[in-house]
């Protein structure tokens, strides 16, 4: 959702698996607050991931920062 001229909040869920990929752990809720630079080629912000078990109990919470820069791929190479 856009919250300002260059700012957005994102909220989505993902399915989480154990490191072997064979056992479903539960859903993870990923929330981000980002600001896109004026050129539209990069953004930065913060995130929170809440990992739940299959019964809805919080297993852990991870907070951090995120940055990204758009790249262009030269398909003629």
C-alpha atoms as a PDB file:
ATOM      1  CA  UNK A   1       0.000   0.000   0.000  1.00  0.00           C
ATOM      2  CA  UNK A   2       1.339   3.429  -0.879  1.00  0.00           C
ATOM      3  CA  UNK A   3       1.676   5.597   2.225  1.00  0.00           C
ATOM      4  CA  UNK A   4       3.360   8.655   0.704  1.00  0.00           C
ATOM      5  CA  UNK A   5       4.790   9.917  -2.575  1.00  0.00           C
ATOM      6  CA  UNK A   6       7.743   7.490  -2.415  1.00  0.00           C
ATOM      7  CA  UNK A   7       6.859   5.271   0.555  1.00  0.00           C
ATOM      8  CA  UNK A   8       5.085   1.928   0.746  1.00  0.00           C
ATOM      9  CA  UNK A   9       4.169  -0.725   3.289  1.00  0.00           C
ATOM     10  CA  UNK A  10       4.123  -4.336   2.178  1.00  0.00           C
ATOM     11  CA  UNK A  11       2.512  -7.227   4.029  1.00  0.00           C
ATOM     12  CA  UNK A  12       2.551 -10.784   2.760  1.00  0.00           C
ATOM     13  CA  UNK A  13       2.588 -14.373   3.972  1.00  0.00           C
ATOM     14  CA  UNK A  14       4.831 -17.215   2.849  1.00  0.00           C
ATOM     15  CA  UNK A  15       4.938 -20.925   3.542  1.00  0.00           C
ATOM     16  CA  UNK A  16       8.020 -21.964   5.529  1.00  0.00           C
ATOM     17  CA  UNK A  17       9.783 -25.318   5.428  1.00  0.00           C
ATOM     18  CA  UNK A  18      12.557 -26.894   7.486  1.00  0.00           C
ATOM     19  CA  UNK A  19      16.115 -26.782   6.051  1.00  0.00           C
ATOM     20  CA  UNK A  20      15.620 -30.141   4.295  1.00  0.00           C
ATOM     21  CA  UNK A  21      12.500 -28.873   2.528  1.00  0.00           C
ATOM     22  CA  UNK A  22      10.514 -31.894   3.632  1.00  0.00           C
ATOM     23  CA  UNK A  23       8.592 -30.631   6.685  1.00  0.00           C
ATOM     24  CA  UNK A  24       6.194 -27.694   6.686  1.00  0.00           C
ATOM     25  CA  UNK A  25       6.993 -25.406   9.657  1.00  0.00           C
ATOM     26  CA  UNK A  26       4.143 -22.919   9.291  1.00  0.00           C
ATOM     27  CA  UNK A  27       3.381 -19.523   7.801  1.00  0.00           C
ATOM     28  CA  UNK A  28       5.726 -16.552   7.933  1.00  0.00           C
ATOM     29  CA  UNK A  29       4.382 -12.996   7.901  1.00  0.00           C
ATOM     30  CA  UNK A  30       6.721 -10.562   6.145  1.00  0.00           C
ATOM     31  CA  UNK A  31       6.156  -6.829   6.634  1.00  0.00           C
ATOM     32  CA  UNK A  32       8.235  -4.102   4.989  1.00  0.00           C
ATOM     33  CA  UNK A  33       8.339  -0.311   5.058  1.00  0.00           C
ATOM     34  CA  UNK A  34      10.250   0.997   2.057  1.00  0.00           C
ATOM     35  CA  UNK A  35      11.133   4.281   0.414  1.00  0.00           C
ATOM     36  CA  UNK A  36      11.800   4.365  -3.320  1.00  0.00           C
ATOM     37  CA  UNK A  37      14.393   6.860  -4.524  1.00  0.00           C
ATOM     38  CA  UNK A  38      13.181   9.646  -6.815  1.00  0.00           C
ATOM     39  CA  UNK A  39      14.638   7.944  -9.938  1.00  0.00           C
ATOM     40  CA  UNK A  40      12.686   4.745  -9.232  1.00  0.00           C
ATOM     41  CA  UNK A  41      15.786   2.581  -9.544  1.00  0.00           C
ATOM     42  CA  UNK A  42      16.451   1.771  -5.876  1.00  0.00           C
ATOM     43  CA  UNK A  43      14.736   1.451  -2.543  1.00  0.00           C
ATOM     44  CA  UNK A  44      15.608   1.032   1.136  1.00  0.00           C
ATOM     45  CA  UNK A  45      13.699   0.316   4.290  1.00  0.00           C
ATOM     46  CA  UNK A  46      13.040  -2.031   7.169  1.00  0.00           C
ATOM     47  CA  UNK A  47      11.419  -5.443   7.506  1.00  0.00           C
ATOM     48  CA  UNK A  48       9.972  -7.740  10.155  1.00  0.00           C
ATOM     49  CA  UNK A  49       9.445 -11.471   9.658  1.00  0.00           C
ATOM     50  CA  UNK A  50       7.294 -13.349  12.158  1.00  0.00           C
ATOM     51  CA  UNK A  51       7.604 -17.127  11.886  1.00  0.00           C
ATOM     52  CA  UNK A  52       4.616 -19.150  13.154  1.00  0.00           C
ATOM     53  CA  UNK A  53       4.137 -22.841  13.758  1.00  0.00           C
ATOM     54  CA  UNK A  54       1.146 -24.700  12.316  1.00  0.00           C
ATOM     55  CA  UNK A  55      -0.933 -23.851  15.421  1.00  0.00           C
ATOM     56  CA  UNK A  56      -0.354 -20.095  15.098  1.00  0.00           C
ATOM     57  CA  UNK A  57       2.254 -19.741  17.853  1.00  0.00           C
ATOM     58  CA  UNK A  58       5.137 -17.335  17.158  1.00  0.00           C
ATOM     59  CA  UNK A  59       8.408 -19.246  16.847  1.00  0.00           C
ATOM     60  CA  UNK A  60      10.653 -16.253  16.225  1.00  0.00           C
ATOM     61  CA  UNK A  61      10.760 -12.677  14.978  1.00  0.00           C
ATOM     62  CA  UNK A  62      13.494 -11.243  12.768  1.00  0.00           C
ATOM     63  CA  UNK A  63      13.973  -7.498  12.154  1.00  0.00           C
ATOM     64  CA  UNK A  64      16.361  -5.885   9.730  1.00  0.00           C
ATOM     65  CA  UNK A  65      17.033  -3.482   6.907  1.00  0.00           C
ATOM     66  CA  UNK A  66      16.685  -3.976   3.184  1.00  0.00           C
ATOM     67  CA  UNK A  67      18.149  -2.220   0.148  1.00  0.00           C
ATOM     68  CA  UNK A  68      17.792  -2.911  -3.558  1.00  0.00           C
ATOM     69  CA  UNK A  69      19.004  -1.460  -6.839  1.00  0.00           C
ATOM     70  CA  UNK A  70      17.522  -2.210 -10.243  1.00  0.00           C
ATOM     71  CA  UNK A  71      19.913  -3.788 -12.725  1.00  0.00           C
ATOM     72  CA  UNK A  72      19.613  -4.001 -16.493  1.00  0.00           C
ATOM     73  CA  UNK A  73      20.526  -7.244 -18.230  1.00  0.00           C
ATOM     74  CA  UNK A  74      22.153  -7.064 -21.639  1.00  0.00           C
ATOM     75  CA  UNK A  75      20.539  -9.941 -23.552  1.00  0.00           C
ATOM     76  CA  UNK A  76      22.785  -9.442 -26.587  1.00  0.00           C
ATOM     77  CA  UNK A  77      25.843 -10.932 -24.862  1.00  0.00           C
END
